[in-house]
């Protein structure tokens, strides 16, 4: 019955409960009017959020719990609810067809005919911006950890391959003023990337590189990053992307791959395993992988001194040197 709580949280994000309460406490009646809630359900819904730890209530007044206020207020730069918005509008319904996916091995979203899911996601500006904001939500914690844990003092430049909105480049550039870098993604992503970078005042140090990483060479830098990208693709495509990164790096350059890396015994990282099932539902051939598997692939591509380092939550990074 875990999906009950999940749906309550997803609806709360969609309705803007946490954004509404970021301005201060509100009564149930005030929230009914502001959010368009029906009186029959509002008390149970809001108190469910209290019981789940997302809201607090005193003397009939509701307010955000501290973590919900930080992460689910759309007006804050720490907002990660874009990911939950995508879960609400896209993935929640798709996961209702998990059984069919397990029986057929086929995706269960709007691209059941085998087309790339990104063609559908990038079909218009609204869906594109929504998806890229979701990628910021799923990557922000790992990006901050990479900015802290990787020895950036040994390098001068970096490029994020499949950069989306630019969350990872922004976090790294903010933490290390000596670095210059950018993001590589499809040309249609450029305005979204540039807007996000400019909003953080980093347009002089971060540049967008347009291209298709299957059809164009990757741009060169001291460090290349590929985050939440490799799991989207089948084995041969994974190998091709790693080879392209190797070719683009200078000798001594470094590749960082990060995902919800599954533990080698495949017993503990439930999120990584569930993410791999999500790739079954959402992509024609994608799957998540263990640290050992990724090390083997990177070694086969030519990288040396390959190692796995934990980041935050279920995410880890695999690092290799050319």
C-alpha atoms as a PDB file:
ATOM      1  CA  UNK A   1       0.000   0.000   0.000  1.00  0.00           C
ATOM      2  CA  UNK A   2       3.038   2.259  -0.224  1.00  0.00           C
ATOM      3  CA  UNK A   3       1.557   3.829  -3.342  1.00  0.00           C
ATOM      4  CA  UNK A   4      -1.114   5.473  -1.193  1.00  0.00           C
ATOM      5  CA  UNK A   5       1.425   7.672   0.566  1.00  0.00           C
ATOM      6  CA  UNK A   6       3.312   8.279  -2.673  1.00  0.00           C
ATOM      7  CA  UNK A   7       0.200   9.550  -4.427  1.00  0.00           C
ATOM      8  CA  UNK A   8      -0.731  11.800  -1.516  1.00  0.00           C
ATOM      9  CA  UNK A   9       2.716  13.419  -1.672  1.00  0.00           C
ATOM     10  CA  UNK A  10       2.639  13.724  -5.465  1.00  0.00           C
ATOM     11  CA  UNK A  11      -0.770  15.404  -5.350  1.00  0.00           C
ATOM     12  CA  UNK A  12       0.475  17.784  -2.657  1.00  0.00           C
ATOM     13  CA  UNK A  13       3.362  18.874  -4.878  1.00  0.00           C
ATOM     14  CA  UNK A  14       1.091  19.199  -7.906  1.00  0.00           C
ATOM     15  CA  UNK A  15      -1.432  21.295  -5.961  1.00  0.00           C
ATOM     16  CA  UNK A  16       1.303  23.580  -4.634  1.00  0.00           C
ATOM     17  CA  UNK A  17       0.613  22.901  -0.964  1.00  0.00           C
ATOM     18  CA  UNK A  18       4.210  23.520   0.097  1.00  0.00           C
ATOM     19  CA  UNK A  19       4.633  26.625  -2.029  1.00  0.00           C
ATOM     20  CA  UNK A  20       1.452  28.063  -0.536  1.00  0.00           C
ATOM     21  CA  UNK A  21       2.649  27.398   2.996  1.00  0.00           C
ATOM     22  CA  UNK A  22       6.139  28.797   2.361  1.00  0.00           C
ATOM     23  CA  UNK A  23       4.652  32.222   3.086  1.00  0.00           C
ATOM     24  CA  UNK A  24       3.453  31.205   6.548  1.00  0.00           C
ATOM     25  CA  UNK A  25       0.930  29.071   8.393  1.00  0.00           C
ATOM     26  CA  UNK A  26      -2.605  28.683   7.060  1.00  0.00           C
ATOM     27  CA  UNK A  27      -5.831  27.250   8.384  1.00  0.00           C
ATOM     28  CA  UNK A  28      -7.626  24.392   6.659  1.00  0.00           C
ATOM     29  CA  UNK A  29     -10.245  26.792   5.339  1.00  0.00           C
ATOM     30  CA  UNK A  30      -7.618  29.137   3.922  1.00  0.00           C
ATOM     31  CA  UNK A  31      -5.887  26.240   2.173  1.00  0.00           C
ATOM     32  CA  UNK A  32      -9.204  25.012   0.782  1.00  0.00           C
ATOM     33  CA  UNK A  33      -9.745  28.376  -0.897  1.00  0.00           C
ATOM     34  CA  UNK A  34      -6.164  28.832  -2.073  1.00  0.00           C
ATOM     35  CA  UNK A  35      -5.730  25.322  -3.464  1.00  0.00           C
ATOM     36  CA  UNK A  36      -9.274  24.588  -4.616  1.00  0.00           C
ATOM     37  CA  UNK A  37      -9.801  21.672  -2.220  1.00  0.00           C
ATOM     38  CA  UNK A  38     -13.238  20.208  -1.517  1.00  0.00           C
ATOM     39  CA  UNK A  39     -14.282  20.424   2.164  1.00  0.00           C
ATOM     40  CA  UNK A  40     -15.080  16.700   2.303  1.00  0.00           C
ATOM     41  CA  UNK A  41     -11.476  15.655   1.682  1.00  0.00           C
ATOM     42  CA  UNK A  42      -9.317  18.567   2.804  1.00  0.00           C
ATOM     43  CA  UNK A  43      -9.032  17.641   6.499  1.00  0.00           C
ATOM     44  CA  UNK A  44      -8.012  14.043   5.802  1.00  0.00           C
ATOM     45  CA  UNK A  45      -5.611  15.102   3.055  1.00  0.00           C
ATOM     46  CA  UNK A  46      -3.817  17.771   5.088  1.00  0.00           C
ATOM     47  CA  UNK A  47      -3.637  15.585   8.197  1.00  0.00           C
ATOM     48  CA  UNK A  48      -2.250  12.745   6.076  1.00  0.00           C
ATOM     49  CA  UNK A  49       0.595  15.087   5.141  1.00  0.00           C
ATOM     50  CA  UNK A  50       1.071  15.820   8.850  1.00  0.00           C
ATOM     51  CA  UNK A  51       1.226  12.087   9.631  1.00  0.00           C
ATOM     52  CA  UNK A  52       3.730  11.589   6.796  1.00  0.00           C
ATOM     53  CA  UNK A  53       5.963  14.293   8.286  1.00  0.00           C
ATOM     54  CA  UNK A  54       5.600  16.735   5.395  1.00  0.00           C
ATOM     55  CA  UNK A  55       3.443  19.250   7.290  1.00  0.00           C
ATOM     56  CA  UNK A  56       3.164  20.331  10.918  1.00  0.00           C
ATOM     57  CA  UNK A  57      -0.048  21.503  12.652  1.00  0.00           C
ATOM     58  CA  UNK A  58      -0.585  23.584  15.768  1.00  0.00           C
ATOM     59  CA  UNK A  59      -3.925  25.001  16.938  1.00  0.00           C
ATOM     60  CA  UNK A  60      -5.523  24.291  13.573  1.00  0.00           C
ATOM     61  CA  UNK A  61      -2.764  26.054  11.631  1.00  0.00           C
ATOM     62  CA  UNK A  62      -0.730  24.104   9.071  1.00  0.00           C
ATOM     63  CA  UNK A  63       2.869  24.852   8.159  1.00  0.00           C
ATOM     64  CA  UNK A  64       5.633  23.147   6.197  1.00  0.00           C
ATOM     65  CA  UNK A  65       7.997  20.772   7.925  1.00  0.00           C
ATOM     66  CA  UNK A  66      11.570  22.116   7.512  1.00  0.00           C
ATOM     67  CA  UNK A  67      12.664  19.641   4.838  1.00  0.00           C
ATOM     68  CA  UNK A  68       9.463  20.049   2.839  1.00  0.00           C
ATOM     69  CA  UNK A  69       9.860  23.831   3.003  1.00  0.00           C
ATOM     70  CA  UNK A  70      13.412  23.559   1.666  1.00  0.00           C
ATOM     71  CA  UNK A  71      12.821  21.083  -1.132  1.00  0.00           C
ATOM     72  CA  UNK A  72       9.171  21.517  -2.212  1.00  0.00           C
ATOM     73  CA  UNK A  73       8.693  25.289  -2.373  1.00  0.00           C
ATOM     74  CA  UNK A  74       8.796  26.126  -6.100  1.00  0.00           C
ATOM     75  CA  UNK A  75      10.228  29.576  -5.371  1.00  0.00           C
ATOM     76  CA  UNK A  76      13.402  28.250  -3.715  1.00  0.00           C
ATOM     77  CA  UNK A  77      16.551  27.313  -5.685  1.00  0.00           C
ATOM     78  CA  UNK A  78      16.676  24.101  -3.638  1.00  0.00           C
ATOM     79  CA  UNK A  79      13.347  22.942  -5.165  1.00  0.00           C
ATOM     80  CA  UNK A  80      13.497  19.306  -6.280  1.00  0.00           C
ATOM     81  CA  UNK A  81       9.775  18.894  -6.779  1.00  0.00           C
ATOM     82  CA  UNK A  82      10.224  19.001 -10.539  1.00  0.00           C
ATOM     83  CA  UNK A  83      11.152  15.338 -10.257  1.00  0.00           C
ATOM     84  CA  UNK A  84       7.945  14.623  -8.347  1.00  0.00           C
ATOM     85  CA  UNK A  85       5.949  16.603 -10.896  1.00  0.00           C
ATOM     86  CA  UNK A  86       7.258  14.230 -13.563  1.00  0.00           C
ATOM     87  CA  UNK A  87       6.398  11.261 -11.356  1.00  0.00           C
ATOM     88  CA  UNK A  88       2.858  12.596 -11.050  1.00  0.00           C
ATOM     89  CA  UNK A  89       2.208  13.448 -14.694  1.00  0.00           C
ATOM     90  CA  UNK A  90       4.177  10.636 -16.333  1.00  0.00           C
ATOM     91  CA  UNK A  91       5.685   7.793 -14.346  1.00  0.00           C
ATOM     92  CA  UNK A  92       2.928   7.079 -11.809  1.00  0.00           C
ATOM     93  CA  UNK A  93       0.514   5.920 -14.496  1.00  0.00           C
ATOM     94  CA  UNK A  94       3.223   4.117 -16.481  1.00  0.00           C
ATOM     95  CA  UNK A  95       4.163   2.025 -13.442  1.00  0.00           C
ATOM     96  CA  UNK A  96       0.615   0.677 -13.401  1.00  0.00           C
ATOM     97  CA  UNK A  97       1.730  -1.433 -16.375  1.00  0.00           C
ATOM     98  CA  UNK A  98       4.788  -2.969 -14.674  1.00  0.00           C
ATOM     99  CA  UNK A  99       3.351  -6.479 -14.989  1.00  0.00           C
ATOM    100  CA  UNK A 100       2.988  -6.062 -18.752  1.00  0.00           C
ATOM    101  CA  UNK A 101       6.559  -4.778 -18.949  1.00  0.00           C
ATOM    102  CA  UNK A 102       7.850  -7.797 -17.017  1.00  0.00           C
ATOM    103  CA  UNK A 103       6.014 -10.142 -19.373  1.00  0.00           C
ATOM    104  CA  UNK A 104       6.985  -8.448 -22.632  1.00  0.00           C
ATOM    105  CA  UNK A 105      10.290  -6.677 -21.958  1.00  0.00           C
ATOM    106  CA  UNK A 106       8.811  -3.611 -23.663  1.00  0.00           C
ATOM    107  CA  UNK A 107       8.404  -0.019 -22.445  1.00  0.00           C
ATOM    108  CA  UNK A 108       4.941   0.910 -21.228  1.00  0.00           C
ATOM    109  CA  UNK A 109       4.887   4.663 -21.816  1.00  0.00           C
ATOM    110  CA  UNK A 110       3.863   6.721 -24.825  1.00  0.00           C
ATOM    111  CA  UNK A 111       6.748   5.243 -26.834  1.00  0.00           C
ATOM    112  CA  UNK A 112       5.637   1.620 -26.903  1.00  0.00           C
ATOM    113  CA  UNK A 113       6.474   1.521 -30.614  1.00  0.00           C
ATOM    114  CA  UNK A 114      10.187   1.577 -29.757  1.00  0.00           C
ATOM    115  CA  UNK A 115      10.879   5.262 -30.448  1.00  0.00           C
ATOM    116  CA  UNK A 116      13.210   7.168 -28.170  1.00  0.00           C
ATOM    117  CA  UNK A 117      11.381   8.466 -25.083  1.00  0.00           C
ATOM    118  CA  UNK A 118      13.273  11.732 -25.496  1.00  0.00           C
ATOM    119  CA  UNK A 119      11.492  12.441 -28.793  1.00  0.00           C
ATOM    120  CA  UNK A 120       8.230  12.561 -26.876  1.00  0.00           C
ATOM    121  CA  UNK A 121       9.649  14.456 -23.902  1.00  0.00           C
ATOM    122  CA  UNK A 122      11.198  17.113 -26.139  1.00  0.00           C
ATOM    123  CA  UNK A 123       8.121  17.544 -28.340  1.00  0.00           C
ATOM    124  CA  UNK A 124       7.397  21.081 -27.082  1.00  0.00           C
ATOM    125  CA  UNK A 125       8.917  23.672 -24.795  1.00  0.00           C
ATOM    126  CA  UNK A 126       6.581  22.973 -21.873  1.00  0.00           C
ATOM    127  CA  UNK A 127       7.342  19.242 -21.687  1.00  0.00           C
ATOM    128  CA  UNK A 128      11.033  19.897 -22.345  1.00  0.00           C
ATOM    129  CA  UNK A 129      11.358  22.404 -19.490  1.00  0.00           C
ATOM    130  CA  UNK A 130       9.364  20.149 -17.167  1.00  0.00           C
ATOM    131  CA  UNK A 131      11.616  17.174 -17.902  1.00  0.00           C
ATOM    132  CA  UNK A 132      14.836  19.164 -17.546  1.00  0.00           C
ATOM    133  CA  UNK A 133      13.644  20.597 -14.228  1.00  0.00           C
ATOM    134  CA  UNK A 134      12.931  17.034 -13.103  1.00  0.00           C
ATOM    135  CA  UNK A 135      16.500  16.081 -14.001  1.00  0.00           C
ATOM    136  CA  UNK A 136      17.709  18.910 -11.777  1.00  0.00           C
ATOM    137  CA  UNK A 137      15.635  17.454  -8.958  1.00  0.00           C
ATOM    138  CA  UNK A 138      17.109  13.970  -9.326  1.00  0.00           C
ATOM    139  CA  UNK A 139      20.704  15.221  -9.777  1.00  0.00           C
ATOM    140  CA  UNK A 140      21.088  18.119  -7.352  1.00  0.00           C
ATOM    141  CA  UNK A 141      22.198  16.140  -4.307  1.00  0.00           C
ATOM    142  CA  UNK A 142      24.692  14.057  -6.262  1.00  0.00           C
ATOM    143  CA  UNK A 143      26.014  17.170  -8.001  1.00  0.00           C
ATOM    144  CA  UNK A 144      26.726  18.857  -4.673  1.00  0.00           C
ATOM    145  CA  UNK A 145      28.507  15.733  -3.454  1.00  0.00           C
ATOM    146  CA  UNK A 146      30.638  15.567  -6.612  1.00  0.00           C
ATOM    147  CA  UNK A 147      31.585  19.217  -6.147  1.00  0.00           C
ATOM    148  CA  UNK A 148      32.841  18.326  -2.665  1.00  0.00           C
ATOM    149  CA  UNK A 149      34.343  14.849  -3.036  1.00  0.00           C
ATOM    150  CA  UNK A 150      36.192  14.990  -6.364  1.00  0.00           C
ATOM    151  CA  UNK A 151      39.741  16.512  -6.403  1.00  0.00           C
ATOM    152  CA  UNK A 152      38.853  19.482  -8.598  1.00  0.00           C
ATOM    153  CA  UNK A 153      42.000  21.345  -7.555  1.00  0.00           C
ATOM    154  CA  UNK A 154      43.908  19.069  -9.973  1.00  0.00           C
ATOM    155  CA  UNK A 155      41.890  20.144 -13.021  1.00  0.00           C
ATOM    156  CA  UNK A 156      41.005  23.320 -14.913  1.00  0.00           C
ATOM    157  CA  UNK A 157      38.003  22.445 -17.098  1.00  0.00           C
ATOM    158  CA  UNK A 158      34.993  20.122 -17.244  1.00  0.00           C
ATOM    159  CA  UNK A 159      31.991  19.309 -19.436  1.00  0.00           C
ATOM    160  CA  UNK A 160      28.762  17.630 -18.322  1.00  0.00           C
ATOM    161  CA  UNK A 161      27.630  15.216 -21.071  1.00  0.00           C
ATOM    162  CA  UNK A 162      23.831  15.272 -21.206  1.00  0.00           C
ATOM    163  CA  UNK A 163      23.730  18.339 -18.997  1.00  0.00           C
ATOM    164  CA  UNK A 164      19.973  19.012 -19.042  1.00  0.00           C
ATOM    165  CA  UNK A 165      19.223  22.246 -17.152  1.00  0.00           C
ATOM    166  CA  UNK A 166      22.805  22.517 -15.898  1.00  0.00           C
ATOM    167  CA  UNK A 167      22.477  21.636 -12.209  1.00  0.00           C
ATOM    168  CA  UNK A 168      25.756  19.727 -12.033  1.00  0.00           C
ATOM    169  CA  UNK A 169      27.909  22.332 -13.836  1.00  0.00           C
ATOM    170  CA  UNK A 170      26.419  25.103 -11.686  1.00  0.00           C
ATOM    171  CA  UNK A 171      27.132  23.273  -8.413  1.00  0.00           C
ATOM    172  CA  UNK A 172      30.716  22.530  -9.425  1.00  0.00           C
ATOM    173  CA  UNK A 173      31.399  26.051 -10.712  1.00  0.00           C
ATOM    174  CA  UNK A 174      29.952  27.633  -7.570  1.00  0.00           C
ATOM    175  CA  UNK A 175      32.214  25.516  -5.372  1.00  0.00           C
ATOM    176  CA  UNK A 176      35.402  25.969  -7.453  1.00  0.00           C
ATOM    177  CA  UNK A 177      35.946  29.461  -8.889  1.00  0.00           C
ATOM    178  CA  UNK A 178      39.078  28.398 -10.806  1.00  0.00           C
ATOM    179  CA  UNK A 179      37.121  26.019 -13.050  1.00  0.00           C
ATOM    180  CA  UNK A 180      35.599  26.717 -16.436  1.00  0.00           C
ATOM    181  CA  UNK A 181      33.169  24.303 -17.972  1.00  0.00           C
ATOM    182  CA  UNK A 182      29.845  23.731 -19.590  1.00  0.00           C
ATOM    183  CA  UNK A 183      27.253  21.275 -20.739  1.00  0.00           C
ATOM    184  CA  UNK A 184      26.756  19.166 -23.852  1.00  0.00           C
ATOM    185  CA  UNK A 185      23.202  18.339 -24.908  1.00  0.00           C
ATOM    186  CA  UNK A 186      20.779  18.531 -27.820  1.00  0.00           C
ATOM    187  CA  UNK A 187      20.513  22.026 -29.374  1.00  0.00           C
ATOM    188  CA  UNK A 188      16.917  22.446 -28.183  1.00  0.00           C
ATOM    189  CA  UNK A 189      18.191  22.384 -24.581  1.00  0.00           C
ATOM    190  CA  UNK A 190      20.381  25.481 -25.047  1.00  0.00           C
ATOM    191  CA  UNK A 191      17.863  28.182 -23.971  1.00  0.00           C
ATOM    192  CA  UNK A 192      16.943  26.244 -20.810  1.00  0.00           C
ATOM    193  CA  UNK A 193      20.595  25.665 -19.905  1.00  0.00           C
ATOM    194  CA  UNK A 194      21.556  29.270 -20.596  1.00  0.00           C
ATOM    195  CA  UNK A 195      18.643  30.614 -18.524  1.00  0.00           C
ATOM    196  CA  UNK A 196      19.551  28.404 -15.564  1.00  0.00           C
ATOM    197  CA  UNK A 197      23.244  29.300 -15.727  1.00  0.00           C
ATOM    198  CA  UNK A 198      22.476  33.015 -16.049  1.00  0.00           C
ATOM    199  CA  UNK A 199      20.140  32.840 -13.051  1.00  0.00           C
ATOM    200  CA  UNK A 200      23.163  31.723 -11.021  1.00  0.00           C
ATOM    201  CA  UNK A 201      25.453  34.389 -12.507  1.00  0.00           C
ATOM    202  CA  UNK A 202      27.811  31.872 -14.117  1.00  0.00           C
ATOM    203  CA  UNK A 203      27.371  32.677 -17.812  1.00  0.00           C
ATOM    204  CA  UNK A 204      31.002  33.863 -18.065  1.00  0.00           C
ATOM    205  CA  UNK A 205      32.363  30.494 -16.920  1.00  0.00           C
ATOM    206  CA  UNK A 206      29.847  27.939 -18.196  1.00  0.00           C
ATOM    207  CA  UNK A 207      29.138  27.441 -21.902  1.00  0.00           C
ATOM    208  CA  UNK A 208      26.590  25.296 -23.709  1.00  0.00           C
ATOM    209  CA  UNK A 209      27.867  22.874 -26.369  1.00  0.00           C
ATOM    210  CA  UNK A 210      25.115  21.694 -28.748  1.00  0.00           C
ATOM    211  CA  UNK A 211      25.189  18.216 -30.224  1.00  0.00           C
ATOM    212  CA  UNK A 212      23.913  14.631 -30.219  1.00  0.00           C
ATOM    213  CA  UNK A 213      26.239  12.330 -28.291  1.00  0.00           C
ATOM    214  CA  UNK A 214      25.464   9.387 -30.568  1.00  0.00           C
ATOM    215  CA  UNK A 215      26.092  11.284 -33.800  1.00  0.00           C
ATOM    216  CA  UNK A 216      28.605  13.982 -32.820  1.00  0.00           C
ATOM    217  CA  UNK A 217      31.962  13.849 -31.012  1.00  0.00           C
ATOM    218  CA  UNK A 218      31.937  14.877 -27.376  1.00  0.00           C
ATOM    219  CA  UNK A 219      33.615  18.208 -26.545  1.00  0.00           C
ATOM    220  CA  UNK A 220      36.985  17.946 -24.862  1.00  0.00           C
ATOM    221  CA  UNK A 221      37.873  19.009 -21.308  1.00  0.00           C
ATOM    222  CA  UNK A 222      40.048  17.838 -18.433  1.00  0.00           C
ATOM    223  CA  UNK A 223      37.032  16.128 -16.850  1.00  0.00           C
ATOM    224  CA  UNK A 224      33.886  14.756 -18.483  1.00  0.00           C
ATOM    225  CA  UNK A 225      30.799  13.947 -16.429  1.00  0.00           C
ATOM    226  CA  UNK A 226      27.946  11.645 -17.382  1.00  0.00           C
ATOM    227  CA  UNK A 227      25.212  11.646 -14.751  1.00  0.00           C
ATOM    228  CA  UNK A 228      21.923   9.720 -14.938  1.00  0.00           C
ATOM    229  CA  UNK A 229      22.660   9.182 -18.632  1.00  0.00           C
ATOM    230  CA  UNK A 230      24.278   5.775 -19.015  1.00  0.00           C
ATOM    231  CA  UNK A 231      21.311   3.901 -17.535  1.00  0.00           C
ATOM    232  CA  UNK A 232      19.013   5.176 -20.295  1.00  0.00           C
ATOM    233  CA  UNK A 233      20.663   2.984 -22.945  1.00  0.00           C
ATOM    234  CA  UNK A 234      21.300  -0.653 -23.831  1.00  0.00           C
ATOM    235  CA  UNK A 235      24.667  -2.381 -23.429  1.00  0.00           C
ATOM    236  CA  UNK A 236      26.055  -1.532 -26.879  1.00  0.00           C
ATOM    237  CA  UNK A 237      25.006   2.109 -26.539  1.00  0.00           C
ATOM    238  CA  UNK A 238      26.604   2.296 -23.093  1.00  0.00           C
ATOM    239  CA  UNK A 239      29.871   1.015 -24.556  1.00  0.00           C
ATOM    240  CA  UNK A 240      29.669   3.509 -27.432  1.00  0.00           C
ATOM    241  CA  UNK A 241      29.172   6.446 -25.053  1.00  0.00           C
ATOM    242  CA  UNK A 242      32.093   5.415 -22.858  1.00  0.00           C
ATOM    243  CA  UNK A 243      34.317   5.092 -25.937  1.00  0.00           C
ATOM    244  CA  UNK A 244      33.296   8.585 -27.100  1.00  0.00           C
ATOM    245  CA  UNK A 245      34.185  10.053 -23.731  1.00  0.00           C
ATOM    246  CA  UNK A 246      37.544   8.302 -23.784  1.00  0.00           C
ATOM    247  CA  UNK A 247      38.313   9.698 -27.232  1.00  0.00           C
ATOM    248  CA  UNK A 248      37.410  13.246 -26.145  1.00  0.00           C
ATOM    249  CA  UNK A 249      39.622  13.307 -23.053  1.00  0.00           C
ATOM    250  CA  UNK A 250      43.276  14.330 -23.003  1.00  0.00           C
ATOM    251  CA  UNK A 251      45.822  11.922 -21.545  1.00  0.00           C
ATOM    252  CA  UNK A 252      45.419  12.125 -17.779  1.00  0.00           C
ATOM    253  CA  UNK A 253      41.865  13.386 -18.167  1.00  0.00           C
ATOM    254  CA  UNK A 254      39.073  11.922 -16.077  1.00  0.00           C
ATOM    255  CA  UNK A 255      35.556  10.572 -16.634  1.00  0.00           C
ATOM    256  CA  UNK A 256      32.953  10.641 -13.860  1.00  0.00           C
ATOM    257  CA  UNK A 257      29.890   8.449 -14.349  1.00  0.00           C
ATOM    258  CA  UNK A 258      27.181   8.698 -11.716  1.00  0.00           C
ATOM    259  CA  UNK A 259      23.865   6.915 -11.339  1.00  0.00           C
ATOM    260  CA  UNK A 260      21.947   5.026  -8.659  1.00  0.00           C
ATOM    261  CA  UNK A 261      24.715   2.425  -8.825  1.00  0.00           C
ATOM    262  CA  UNK A 262      23.460  -0.997  -7.665  1.00  0.00           C
ATOM    263  CA  UNK A 263      25.565  -2.719  -4.985  1.00  0.00           C
ATOM    264  CA  UNK A 264      27.639  -5.562  -6.378  1.00  0.00           C
ATOM    265  CA  UNK A 265      25.671  -8.200  -4.441  1.00  0.00           C
ATOM    266  CA  UNK A 266      22.394  -6.729  -5.749  1.00  0.00           C
ATOM    267  CA  UNK A 267      20.829  -6.948  -2.288  1.00  0.00           C
ATOM    268  CA  UNK A 268      20.767  -3.496  -0.724  1.00  0.00           C
ATOM    269  CA  UNK A 269      20.263  -0.573  -3.106  1.00  0.00           C
ATOM    270  CA  UNK A 270      16.545  -1.045  -3.625  1.00  0.00           C
ATOM    271  CA  UNK A 271      16.276   2.382  -5.267  1.00  0.00           C
ATOM    272  CA  UNK A 272      18.880   1.440  -7.879  1.00  0.00           C
ATOM    273  CA  UNK A 273      17.061  -1.805  -8.645  1.00  0.00           C
ATOM    274  CA  UNK A 274      13.699  -0.022  -8.852  1.00  0.00           C
ATOM    275  CA  UNK A 275      15.297   2.571 -11.121  1.00  0.00           C
ATOM    276  CA  UNK A 276      16.351  -0.243 -13.425  1.00  0.00           C
ATOM    277  CA  UNK A 277      12.718  -1.403 -13.550  1.00  0.00           C
ATOM    278  CA  UNK A 278      11.816   2.196 -14.340  1.00  0.00           C
ATOM    279  CA  UNK A 279      14.196   2.017 -17.310  1.00  0.00           C
ATOM    280  CA  UNK A 280      12.325  -1.114 -18.429  1.00  0.00           C
ATOM    281  CA  UNK A 281       9.047   0.804 -18.321  1.00  0.00           C
ATOM    282  CA  UNK A 282      10.387   4.007 -19.870  1.00  0.00           C
ATOM    283  CA  UNK A 283      13.059   3.021 -22.430  1.00  0.00           C
ATOM    284  CA  UNK A 284      13.551   0.417 -25.181  1.00  0.00           C
ATOM    285  CA  UNK A 285      16.816  -0.964 -23.740  1.00  0.00           C
ATOM    286  CA  UNK A 286      17.987   0.950 -20.672  1.00  0.00           C
ATOM    287  CA  UNK A 287      18.991  -0.645 -17.387  1.00  0.00           C
ATOM    288  CA  UNK A 288      20.888   0.248 -14.231  1.00  0.00           C
ATOM    289  CA  UNK A 289      24.071  -1.546 -13.240  1.00  0.00           C
ATOM    290  CA  UNK A 290      26.476  -2.400 -10.452  1.00  0.00           C
ATOM    291  CA  UNK A 291      29.711  -0.600  -9.690  1.00  0.00           C
ATOM    292  CA  UNK A 292      31.663  -3.693 -10.708  1.00  0.00           C
ATOM    293  CA  UNK A 293      29.936  -3.802 -14.089  1.00  0.00           C
ATOM    294  CA  UNK A 294      30.623  -0.136 -14.772  1.00  0.00           C
ATOM    295  CA  UNK A 295      34.281  -0.554 -13.780  1.00  0.00           C
ATOM    296  CA  UNK A 296      34.590  -3.442 -16.242  1.00  0.00           C
ATOM    297  CA  UNK A 297      32.999  -1.412 -19.050  1.00  0.00           C
ATOM    298  CA  UNK A 298      35.223   1.590 -18.411  1.00  0.00           C
ATOM    299  CA  UNK A 299      38.338  -0.578 -18.220  1.00  0.00           C
ATOM    300  CA  UNK A 300      37.387  -2.187 -21.533  1.00  0.00           C
ATOM    301  CA  UNK A 301      37.075   1.326 -23.028  1.00  0.00           C
ATOM    302  CA  UNK A 302      40.686   2.040 -22.005  1.00  0.00           C
ATOM    303  CA  UNK A 303      40.341   3.808 -18.655  1.00  0.00           C
ATOM    304  CA  UNK A 304      42.744   3.028 -15.820  1.00  0.00           C
ATOM    305  CA  UNK A 305      42.574   3.295 -12.037  1.00  0.00           C
ATOM    306  CA  UNK A 306      38.800   2.900 -12.188  1.00  0.00           C
ATOM    307  CA  UNK A 307      37.091   3.175  -8.799  1.00  0.00           C
ATOM    308  CA  UNK A 308      33.642   3.560  -7.235  1.00  0.00           C
ATOM    309  CA  UNK A 309      32.899   6.226  -4.630  1.00  0.00           C
ATOM    310  CA  UNK A 310      29.557   6.777  -2.839  1.00  0.00           C
ATOM    311  CA  UNK A 311      27.907  10.174  -3.222  1.00  0.00           C
ATOM    312  CA  UNK A 312      24.547  10.780  -1.555  1.00  0.00           C
ATOM    313  CA  UNK A 313      21.670   8.421  -0.875  1.00  0.00           C
ATOM    314  CA  UNK A 314      21.532   5.729  -3.566  1.00  0.00           C
ATOM    315  CA  UNK A 315      23.915   7.507  -5.955  1.00  0.00           C
ATOM    316  CA  UNK A 316      27.578   6.673  -6.456  1.00  0.00           C
ATOM    317  CA  UNK A 317      30.171   7.795  -8.991  1.00  0.00           C
ATOM    318  CA  UNK A 318      32.559   5.665 -11.008  1.00  0.00           C
ATOM    319  CA  UNK A 319      35.811   7.461 -11.836  1.00  0.00           C
ATOM    320  CA  UNK A 320      38.312   6.493 -14.510  1.00  0.00           C
ATOM    321  CA  UNK A 321      41.487   8.134 -15.877  1.00  0.00           C
ATOM    322  CA  UNK A 322      42.654   8.124 -19.481  1.00  0.00           C
END
